[in-house]
Structure formats: C-alpha cells, structure tokens
C-alpha atoms as a PDB file:
ATOM      1  CA  MET A   1      11.148 -19.838  -2.571  1.00  0.00           C
ATOM      2  CA  THR A   2      14.402 -19.013  -1.023  1.00  0.00           C
ATOM      3  CA  VAL A   3      15.064 -16.437  -4.142  1.00  0.00           C
ATOM      4  CA  LEU A   4      11.759 -15.014  -3.829  1.00  0.00           C
ATOM      5  CA  TYR A   5      12.106 -14.295   0.147  1.00  0.00           C
ATOM      6  CA  ILE A   6      15.580 -12.505  -0.720  1.00  0.00           C
ATOM      7  CA  LEU A   7      14.011 -10.395  -3.698  1.00  0.00           C
ATOM      8  CA  ALA A   8      11.125  -9.334  -1.406  1.00  0.00           C
ATOM      9  CA  GLY A   9      13.562  -8.471   1.568  1.00  0.00           C
ATOM     10  CA  ALA A  10      15.758  -6.479  -0.912  1.00  0.00           C
ATOM     11  CA  SER A  11      12.701  -4.625  -1.911  1.00  0.00           C
ATOM     12  CA  VAL A  12      11.873  -3.768   1.832  1.00  0.00           C
ATOM     13  CA  ALA A  13      15.384  -2.752   2.324  1.00  0.00           C
ATOM     14  CA  VAL A  14      15.911  -0.336  -0.914  1.00  0.00           C
ATOM     15  CA  SER A  15      12.639   1.071   0.732  1.00  0.00           C
ATOM     16  CA  VAL A  16      14.557   2.418   3.876  1.00  0.00           C
ATOM     17  CA  ALA A  17      17.007   3.946   1.609  1.00  0.00           C
ATOM     18  CA  THR A  18      14.518   5.531  -0.250  1.00  0.00           C
ATOM     19  CA  ALA A  19      13.059   7.237   2.995  1.00  0.00           C
ATOM     20  CA  ALA A  20      16.829   8.232   4.262  1.00  0.00           C
ATOM     21  CA  LEU A  21      17.325   9.836   0.879  1.00  0.00           C
ATOM     22  CA  GLY A  22      14.157  11.823   0.487  1.00  0.00           C
ATOM     23  CA  ASN A  23      14.891  13.170   4.250  1.00  0.00           C
ATOM     24  CA  HIS A  24      18.106  14.387   3.040  1.00  0.00           C
ATOM     25  CA  GLY A  25      16.786  15.887   0.026  1.00  0.00           C
ATOM     26  CA  ARG A  26      18.186  13.732  -2.539  1.00  0.00           C
ATOM     27  CA  HIS A  27      15.226  13.459  -4.565  1.00  0.00           C
ATOM     28  CA  LYS A  28      16.649  11.877  -8.072  1.00  0.00           C
ATOM     29  CA  GLU A  29      18.425   8.924  -5.814  1.00  0.00           C
ATOM     30  CA  ARG A  30      14.969   8.569  -3.928  1.00  0.00           C
ATOM     31  CA  PHE A  31      12.986   8.265  -7.085  1.00  0.00           C
ATOM     32  CA  VAL A  32      15.546   5.526  -8.441  1.00  0.00           C
ATOM     33  CA  CYS A  33      15.571   3.591  -5.182  1.00  0.00           C
ATOM     34  CA  LYS A  34      11.725   3.779  -4.988  1.00  0.00           C
ATOM     35  CA  MET A  35      11.403   2.661  -8.681  1.00  0.00           C
ATOM     36  CA  VAL A  36      13.855  -0.441  -7.898  1.00  0.00           C
ATOM     37  CA  SER A  37      11.745  -1.395  -4.717  1.00  0.00           C
ATOM     38  CA  SER A  38       8.627  -1.359  -6.804  1.00  0.00           C
ATOM     39  CA  MET A  39      10.189  -3.297  -9.626  1.00  0.00           C
ATOM     40  CA  LEU A  40      11.594  -6.094  -7.313  1.00  0.00           C
ATOM     41  CA  PHE A  41       8.080  -6.670  -5.705  1.00  0.00           C
ATOM     42  CA  CYS A  42       6.814  -7.034  -9.228  1.00  0.00           C
ATOM     43  CA  LEU A  43       9.654  -9.483 -10.264  1.00  0.00           C
ATOM     44  CA  VAL A  44       8.915 -11.505  -6.978  1.00  0.00           C
ATOM     45  CA  ALA A  45       5.318 -11.809  -8.213  1.00  0.00           C
ATOM     46  CA  PHE A  46       6.109 -12.634 -11.838  1.00  0.00           C
ATOM     47  CA  TRP A  47       8.780 -15.102 -10.535  1.00  0.00           C
ATOM     48  CA  ALA A  48       6.039 -16.724  -8.436  1.00  0.00           C
ATOM     49  CA  ALA A  49       3.819 -17.005 -11.178  1.00  0.00           C
ATOM     50  CA  VAL A  50       6.167 -18.609 -13.308  1.00  0.00           C
ATOM     51  CA  GLY A  51       6.976 -21.253 -10.913  1.00  0.00           C
ATOM     52  CA  ARG A  52       3.492 -22.147  -9.810  1.00  0.00           C
ATOM     53  CA  ARG A  53       2.495 -25.733 -10.090  1.00  0.00           C
ATOM     54  CA  GLU A  54      -1.016 -25.125 -11.270  1.00  0.00           C
ATOM     55  CA  PRO A  55      -1.743 -23.032 -14.344  1.00  0.00           C
ATOM     56  CA  MET A  56      -2.720 -19.122 -13.630  1.00  0.00           C
ATOM     57  CA  ASN A  57      -6.054 -18.487 -12.366  1.00  0.00           C
ATOM     58  CA  VAL A  58      -8.382 -15.670 -12.002  1.00  0.00           C
ATOM     59  CA  GLN A  59      -6.826 -14.688  -8.253  1.00  0.00           C
ATOM     60  CA  ALA A  60      -2.838 -14.984  -9.462  1.00  0.00           C
ATOM     61  CA  SER A  61      -3.972 -12.726 -12.337  1.00  0.00           C
ATOM     62  CA  LEU A  62      -5.899 -10.285 -10.233  1.00  0.00           C
ATOM     63  CA  MET A  63      -2.875  -9.921  -7.995  1.00  0.00           C
ATOM     64  CA  LEU A  64      -0.166  -9.440 -10.589  1.00  0.00           C
ATOM     65  CA  GLY A  65      -2.501  -6.514 -11.836  1.00  0.00           C
ATOM     66  CA  ALA A  66      -2.999  -5.054  -8.543  1.00  0.00           C
ATOM     67  CA  LEU A  67       0.835  -5.255  -7.989  1.00  0.00           C
ATOM     68  CA  VAL A  68       1.608  -3.668 -11.427  1.00  0.00           C
ATOM     69  CA  LEU A  69      -0.965  -0.831 -10.548  1.00  0.00           C
ATOM     70  CA  GLY A  70       0.954  -0.415  -7.191  1.00  0.00           C
ATOM     71  CA  MET A  71       4.400   0.081  -9.124  1.00  0.00           C
ATOM     72  CA  ILE A  72       2.632   2.706 -11.640  1.00  0.00           C
ATOM     73  CA  GLY A  73       1.192   4.603  -8.543  1.00  0.00           C
ATOM     74  CA  ASP A  74       4.844   4.596  -6.918  1.00  0.00           C
ATOM     75  CA  ILE A  75       6.264   6.133 -10.105  1.00  0.00           C
ATOM     76  CA  VAL A  76       3.718   8.845 -10.411  1.00  0.00           C
ATOM     77  CA  LEU A  77       3.890   9.620  -6.723  1.00  0.00           C
ATOM     78  CA  GLY A  78       7.696   9.801  -6.866  1.00  0.00           C
ATOM     79  CA  LEU A  79       7.640  12.655  -9.166  1.00  0.00           C
ATOM     80  CA  ASP A  80       5.956  14.852  -6.651  1.00  0.00           C
ATOM     81  CA  MET A  81       9.358  16.795  -5.557  1.00  0.00           C
ATOM     82  CA  PHE A  82      10.134  17.522  -9.237  1.00  0.00           C
ATOM     83  CA  LEU A  83       7.008  19.415  -9.326  1.00  0.00           C
ATOM     84  CA  ARG A  84       5.861  22.877  -8.360  1.00  0.00           C
ATOM     85  CA  GLU A  85       3.782  23.118  -5.257  1.00  0.00           C
ATOM     86  CA  GLU A  86       0.752  23.982  -6.879  1.00  0.00           C
ATOM     87  CA  HIS A  87       0.815  20.941  -9.192  1.00  0.00           C
ATOM     88  CA  ARG A  88       1.514  18.224  -6.182  1.00  0.00           C
ATOM     89  CA  LYS A  89      -2.083  17.984  -5.131  1.00  0.00           C
ATOM     90  CA  PHE A  90      -2.988  16.939  -8.647  1.00  0.00           C
ATOM     91  CA  VAL A  91      -0.141  14.556  -8.893  1.00  0.00           C
ATOM     92  CA  PHE A  92      -0.899  13.151  -5.375  1.00  0.00           C
ATOM     93  CA  LEU A  93      -4.564  12.430  -6.937  1.00  0.00           C
ATOM     94  CA  LEU A  94      -3.127  11.246  -9.953  1.00  0.00           C
ATOM     95  CA  GLY A  95      -0.679   8.786  -8.254  1.00  0.00           C
ATOM     96  CA  GLY A  96      -3.357   7.503  -5.922  1.00  0.00           C
ATOM     97  CA  THR A  97      -6.199   6.342  -8.349  1.00  0.00           C
ATOM     98  CA  PRO A  98      -3.732   3.195  -9.671  1.00  0.00           C
ATOM     99  CA  PHE A  99      -3.541   2.395  -5.676  1.00  0.00           C
ATOM    100  CA  PHE A 100      -7.096   2.953  -5.280  1.00  0.00           C
ATOM    101  CA  LEU A 101      -7.600   0.559  -8.107  1.00  0.00           C
ATOM    102  CA  GLY A 102      -5.453  -2.016  -7.045  1.00  0.00           C
ATOM    103  CA  HIS A 103      -6.878  -2.118  -3.566  1.00  0.00           C
ATOM    104  CA  LEU A 104     -10.114  -2.670  -5.239  1.00  0.00           C
ATOM    105  CA  LEU A 105      -8.307  -5.904  -7.137  1.00  0.00           C
ATOM    106  CA  TYR A 106      -7.088  -6.937  -3.993  1.00  0.00           C
ATOM    107  CA  ILE A 107     -10.403  -6.738  -2.305  1.00  0.00           C
ATOM    108  CA  ALA A 108     -12.077  -8.563  -5.387  1.00  0.00           C
ATOM    109  CA  LEU A 109      -9.703 -11.598  -5.390  1.00  0.00           C
ATOM    110  CA  LEU A 110      -9.493 -11.956  -1.595  1.00  0.00           C
ATOM    111  CA  LEU A 111     -13.279 -12.012  -1.228  1.00  0.00           C
ATOM    112  CA  SER A 112     -13.655 -14.501  -4.093  1.00  0.00           C
ATOM    113  CA  TYR A 113     -12.561 -17.107  -1.541  1.00  0.00           C
ATOM    114  CA  GLY A 114     -15.863 -16.365   0.405  1.00  0.00           C
ATOM    115  CA  ASP A 115     -16.234 -16.726   4.046  1.00  0.00           C
ATOM    116  CA  ILE A 116     -16.436 -13.027   4.983  1.00  0.00           C
ATOM    117  CA  GLN A 117     -16.183 -12.621   8.977  1.00  0.00           C
ATOM    118  CA  TRP A 118     -19.325 -10.235   9.272  1.00  0.00           C
ATOM    119  CA  HIS A 119     -18.183  -9.562  12.981  1.00  0.00           C
ATOM    120  CA  LEU A 120     -15.248  -7.720  11.567  1.00  0.00           C
ATOM    121  CA  VAL A 121     -17.477  -5.159   9.774  1.00  0.00           C
ATOM    122  CA  ALA A 122     -16.815  -2.767  12.377  1.00  0.00           C
ATOM    123  CA  VAL A 123     -13.260  -2.149  10.704  1.00  0.00           C
ATOM    124  CA  LEU A 124     -14.642  -0.536   7.592  1.00  0.00           C
ATOM    125  CA  PRO A 125     -15.446   2.951   8.841  1.00  0.00           C
ATOM    126  CA  ALA A 126     -12.363   2.831  11.342  1.00  0.00           C
ATOM    127  CA  VAL A 127      -9.933   4.493   8.849  1.00  0.00           C
ATOM    128  CA  PRO A 128     -12.045   7.331   7.522  1.00  0.00           C
ATOM    129  CA  MET A 129     -13.483   7.976  11.103  1.00  0.00           C
ATOM    130  CA  PHE A 130      -9.895   8.497  11.998  1.00  0.00           C
ATOM    131  CA  PHE A 131      -9.053  11.053   9.383  1.00  0.00           C
ATOM    132  CA  LEU A 132     -12.403  12.937   9.898  1.00  0.00           C
ATOM    133  CA  LEU A 133     -11.457  13.180  13.888  1.00  0.00           C
ATOM    134  CA  LEU A 134      -7.946  14.292  12.980  1.00  0.00           C
ATOM    135  CA  ASN A 135      -9.440  16.977  10.692  1.00  0.00           C
ATOM    136  CA  ARG A 136     -11.785  18.015  13.147  1.00  0.00           C
ATOM    137  CA  PHE A 137      -9.289  18.627  15.900  1.00  0.00           C
ATOM    138  CA  GLY A 138      -7.177  20.558  13.362  1.00  0.00           C
ATOM    139  CA  LEU A 139      -4.268  18.130  13.240  1.00  0.00           C
ATOM    140  CA  ILE A 140      -4.881  17.689   9.169  1.00  0.00           C
ATOM    141  CA  LYS A 141      -6.439  19.989   6.789  1.00  0.00           C
ATOM    142  CA  LEU A 142      -8.388  18.003   4.231  1.00  0.00           C
ATOM    143  CA  ASP A 143     -10.463  20.711   2.694  1.00  0.00           C
ATOM    144  CA  LYS A 144     -11.747  19.731  -0.834  1.00  0.00           C
ATOM    145  CA  MET A 145      -9.677  16.252  -0.435  1.00  0.00           C
ATOM    146  CA  MET A 146     -12.227  15.078   2.591  1.00  0.00           C
ATOM    147  CA  VAL A 147     -14.538  12.945   0.391  1.00  0.00           C
ATOM    148  CA  PRO A 148     -11.756  11.518  -1.536  1.00  0.00           C
ATOM    149  CA  LEU A 149      -9.504  10.515   1.499  1.00  0.00           C
ATOM    150  CA  ALA A 150     -12.842   9.262   3.367  1.00  0.00           C
ATOM    151  CA  ALA A 151     -13.706   6.957   0.283  1.00  0.00           C
ATOM    152  CA  TYR A 152     -10.025   5.822   0.251  1.00  0.00           C
ATOM    153  CA  GLY A 153     -10.228   5.116   4.160  1.00  0.00           C
ATOM    154  CA  LEU A 154     -13.309   3.121   3.496  1.00  0.00           C
ATOM    155  CA  VAL A 155     -11.607   0.993   0.798  1.00  0.00           C
ATOM    156  CA  LEU A 156      -8.568   0.409   3.363  1.00  0.00           C
ATOM    157  CA  GLY A 157     -11.305  -0.757   5.815  1.00  0.00           C
ATOM    158  CA  ALA A 158     -12.608  -3.191   3.256  1.00  0.00           C
ATOM    159  CA  MET A 159      -9.094  -4.575   2.356  1.00  0.00           C
ATOM    160  CA  MET A 160      -8.672  -5.252   6.363  1.00  0.00           C
ATOM    161  CA  LEU A 161     -11.857  -7.003   6.469  1.00  0.00           C
ATOM    162  CA  ALA A 162     -10.961  -8.920   3.414  1.00  0.00           C
ATOM    163  CA  THR A 163      -7.596 -10.002   4.513  1.00  0.00           C
ATOM    164  CA  PHE A 164      -8.581 -10.798   7.976  1.00  0.00           C
ATOM    165  CA  SER A 165     -11.555 -12.948   6.854  1.00  0.00           C
ATOM    166  CA  LEU A 166      -8.964 -14.889   4.476  1.00  0.00           C
ATOM    167  CA  ALA A 167      -6.647 -15.414   7.149  1.00  0.00           C
ATOM    168  CA  THR A 168      -9.146 -17.147   9.434  1.00  0.00           C
ATOM    169  CA  ARG A 169      -9.329 -19.922   6.744  1.00  0.00           C
ATOM    170  CA  GLY A 170      -5.739 -20.923   7.596  1.00  0.00           C
ATOM    171  CA  GLY A 171      -3.449 -22.890   5.764  1.00  0.00           C
ATOM    172  CA  GLU A 172      -0.397 -21.422   3.689  1.00  0.00           C
ATOM    173  CA  LEU A 173      -2.099 -18.403   2.062  1.00  0.00           C
ATOM    174  CA  GLY A 174      -4.329 -17.661   5.278  1.00  0.00           C
ATOM    175  CA  ARG A 175      -1.165 -17.503   7.749  1.00  0.00           C
ATOM    176  CA  TRP A 176       0.202 -14.652   5.373  1.00  0.00           C
ATOM    177  CA  MET A 177      -3.043 -12.427   5.540  1.00  0.00           C
ATOM    178  CA  TRP A 178      -2.981 -11.272   8.925  1.00  0.00           C
ATOM    179  CA  TYR A 179      -0.463  -8.718   7.930  1.00  0.00           C
ATOM    180  CA  PRO A 180      -1.139  -6.815   4.362  1.00  0.00           C
ATOM    181  CA  GLY A 181      -4.464  -5.003   5.421  1.00  0.00           C
ATOM    182  CA  ILE A 182      -2.805  -3.591   8.734  1.00  0.00           C
ATOM    183  CA  LEU A 183       0.376  -2.637   6.690  1.00  0.00           C
ATOM    184  CA  PHE A 184      -1.335  -0.709   3.882  1.00  0.00           C
ATOM    185  CA  THR A 185      -3.335   1.238   6.263  1.00  0.00           C
ATOM    186  CA  ILE A 186      -0.217   2.056   8.403  1.00  0.00           C
ATOM    187  CA  SER A 187       1.433   3.132   5.194  1.00  0.00           C
ATOM    188  CA  ASP A 188      -1.551   5.072   3.689  1.00  0.00           C
ATOM    189  CA  GLY A 189      -2.447   6.590   6.804  1.00  0.00           C
ATOM    190  CA  SER A 190       1.101   8.029   7.291  1.00  0.00           C
ATOM    191  CA  LEU A 191       1.117   9.192   3.827  1.00  0.00           C
ATOM    192  CA  PHE A 192      -1.891  11.368   4.494  1.00  0.00           C
ATOM    193  CA  LEU A 193      -0.664  12.519   7.561  1.00  0.00           C
ATOM    194  CA  LYS A 194       2.559  13.382   5.988  1.00  0.00           C
ATOM    195  CA  THR A 195       1.027  15.139   3.203  1.00  0.00           C
ATOM    196  CA  TYR A 196      -1.823  16.899   5.033  1.00  0.00           C
ATOM    197  CA  GLY A 197      -0.678  17.144   8.603  1.00  0.00           C
ATOM    198  CA  HIS A 198      -0.622  20.308  10.599  1.00  0.00           C
ATOM    199  CA  GLY A 199       0.823  21.766  13.672  1.00  0.00           C
ATOM    200  CA  PRO A 200       2.871  19.114  15.482  1.00  0.00           C
ATOM    201  CA  LEU A 201       2.450  16.425  12.685  1.00  0.00           C
ATOM    202  CA  LYS A 202       4.448  18.863  10.682  1.00  0.00           C
ATOM    203  CA  LYS A 203       7.569  17.805  13.057  1.00  0.00           C
ATOM    204  CA  LEU A 204       6.893  14.211  12.300  1.00  0.00           C
ATOM    205  CA  ARG A 205       7.308  14.271   8.627  1.00  0.00           C
ATOM    206  CA  PRO A 206      10.898  12.559   8.445  1.00  0.00           C
ATOM    207  CA  ALA A 207       9.397   9.733  10.641  1.00  0.00           C
ATOM    208  CA  PHE A 208       6.410   9.295   8.364  1.00  0.00           C
ATOM    209  CA  ALA A 209       8.789   8.892   5.455  1.00  0.00           C
ATOM    210  CA  TYR A 210       9.821   5.647   7.149  1.00  0.00           C
ATOM    211  CA  THR A 211       6.302   4.577   8.363  1.00  0.00           C
ATOM    212  CA  VAL A 212       5.006   5.032   4.644  1.00  0.00           C
ATOM    213  CA  MET A 213       7.724   3.135   3.058  1.00  0.00           C
ATOM    214  CA  LEU A 214       8.579   0.060   5.227  1.00  0.00           C
ATOM    215  CA  PRO A 215       4.843  -1.107   5.627  1.00  0.00           C
ATOM    216  CA  TYR A 216       4.028  -0.383   2.068  1.00  0.00           C
ATOM    217  CA  TYR A 217       6.766  -2.521   0.570  1.00  0.00           C
ATOM    218  CA  THR A 218       6.312  -5.092   3.334  1.00  0.00           C
ATOM    219  CA  ALA A 219       2.675  -5.713   2.443  1.00  0.00           C
ATOM    220  CA  GLN A 220       3.307  -5.699  -1.560  1.00  0.00           C
ATOM    221  CA  GLY A 221       6.263  -8.242  -0.690  1.00  0.00           C
ATOM    222  CA  ILE A 222       3.788 -10.444   1.284  1.00  0.00           C
ATOM    223  CA  PHE A 223       1.266 -10.193  -1.680  1.00  0.00           C
ATOM    224  CA  ALA A 224       3.803 -10.827  -4.370  1.00  0.00           C
ATOM    225  CA  LEU A 225       4.892 -14.107  -2.632  1.00  0.00           C
ATOM    226  CA  THR A 226       1.356 -15.251  -2.173  1.00  0.00           C
ATOM    227  CA  VAL A 227       1.011 -15.715  -5.907  1.00  0.00           C
ATOM    228  CA  ALA A 228       2.543 -19.045  -5.314  1.00  0.00           C
ATOM    229  CA  TRP A 229      -0.400 -20.184  -3.328  1.00  0.00           C
ATOM    230  CA  LEU A 230      -3.538 -18.404  -5.028  1.00  0.00           C
END
C-alpha cells in the first residue's frame, strides 16, 4: 500500500503545478501536468485492483470505470484554453458529461452497500440551491446553463449522501468515505464559480484554480485507493 499512497500523493502534488501553470498562462505545460495527475490516480486504482486479495467484483469494476471517465473528462476540459471563446461552453459541457456519468457510477456502487442514512437527504438540494442563490444575487450568470448545472448539483448532493451513508458503516472502507463527496463538491463548485462567476468572483479565479485541482485529485486518489477494499 505504501507505493499506492505515494502515487496518490504524487497525483495531488502534480495538480498543484497544474493550477500554478494555468495561472501563469503556461497552458501546454498545464495540460501535460493535468494528464499526468489523472493517469496517476488511474494507475493507483489499477495497481490496487491487481493487488486485491479477492477477485474483482461489481463495485471495484464500477470504481475503475468511474475513474477512467474522470480521466477522460480531465483531458477534454484541459483543451479549453486552446479553443476560441465561443467553443469553450460546448467543450465545458462535453467534458462535463464523463464526470456526470462517473458520478452516477460512484453513487451506484456506494448505494449498492445499502444503509442509506435518510436523515441526510437534506444535502441533496443544498448544492443546486447554492448555485441558484448565487445566480439570483448576480454573482454568477448561468443563463441557459441553469438547468444542466442544477442537475449536476443534485448529483453532487446525491454523492455526498452516498459517501456519508457508507462512512457510517465504519471499517477500513467507511473511514475513507467521509471525504470524497465533500471534496468533489468543493472542486466542482469552484469550477462553476471560476467559469461563470461575475463581479468580485472574477478576481478570485487564480484562487479557484487551486480549489478546483487540489480537492478533485485528493478525492480521486481516495476513491482509487478504496479499490483495494471494495
């Protein structure tokens, strides 16, 4: 497991370089670093799968699929700065689709363990309501993206519900699950604020680069490590 921890840590460390390079306009290097970070968390997952004591099961297979979808989304979204402004929204949607599907796979495998904590259902509408409030007060401008982002926010809420529910089971797997749902929400929320933010939020874009990358790659690294225990 030591090697897996090192690789997962390396994925997070390279993501810091990705954010810094993007802030300095070095987009080719940023794209390369982003691909390296994504390939590292996929490597962690496949290495953990090879080292499993038990044969591969449905849950581990779903986790591998979700991580690969995440890598695909990373690559597509990493192309944004090489495109004209009018094409970036399309690429944002195109790159967001694998993430959306990956989140659905995460939710499916987590809920397959049962024990949903229904008192946590209140987290489901929290993220879309947050986006709608920001849009209402003019801090972000969603326009035609309101419905897709509200749906995506609902999926993020469902992921938090699923991770928290599994975390309450305890054990080696459960103790990791307090974090990924929150980290993904921070990351994806920061991405939306960076992309659609108006007014004072525009000034925070350099900071959002880090609050997108660090939580995201930490969450993916955690999910990749859990392949050993699924």
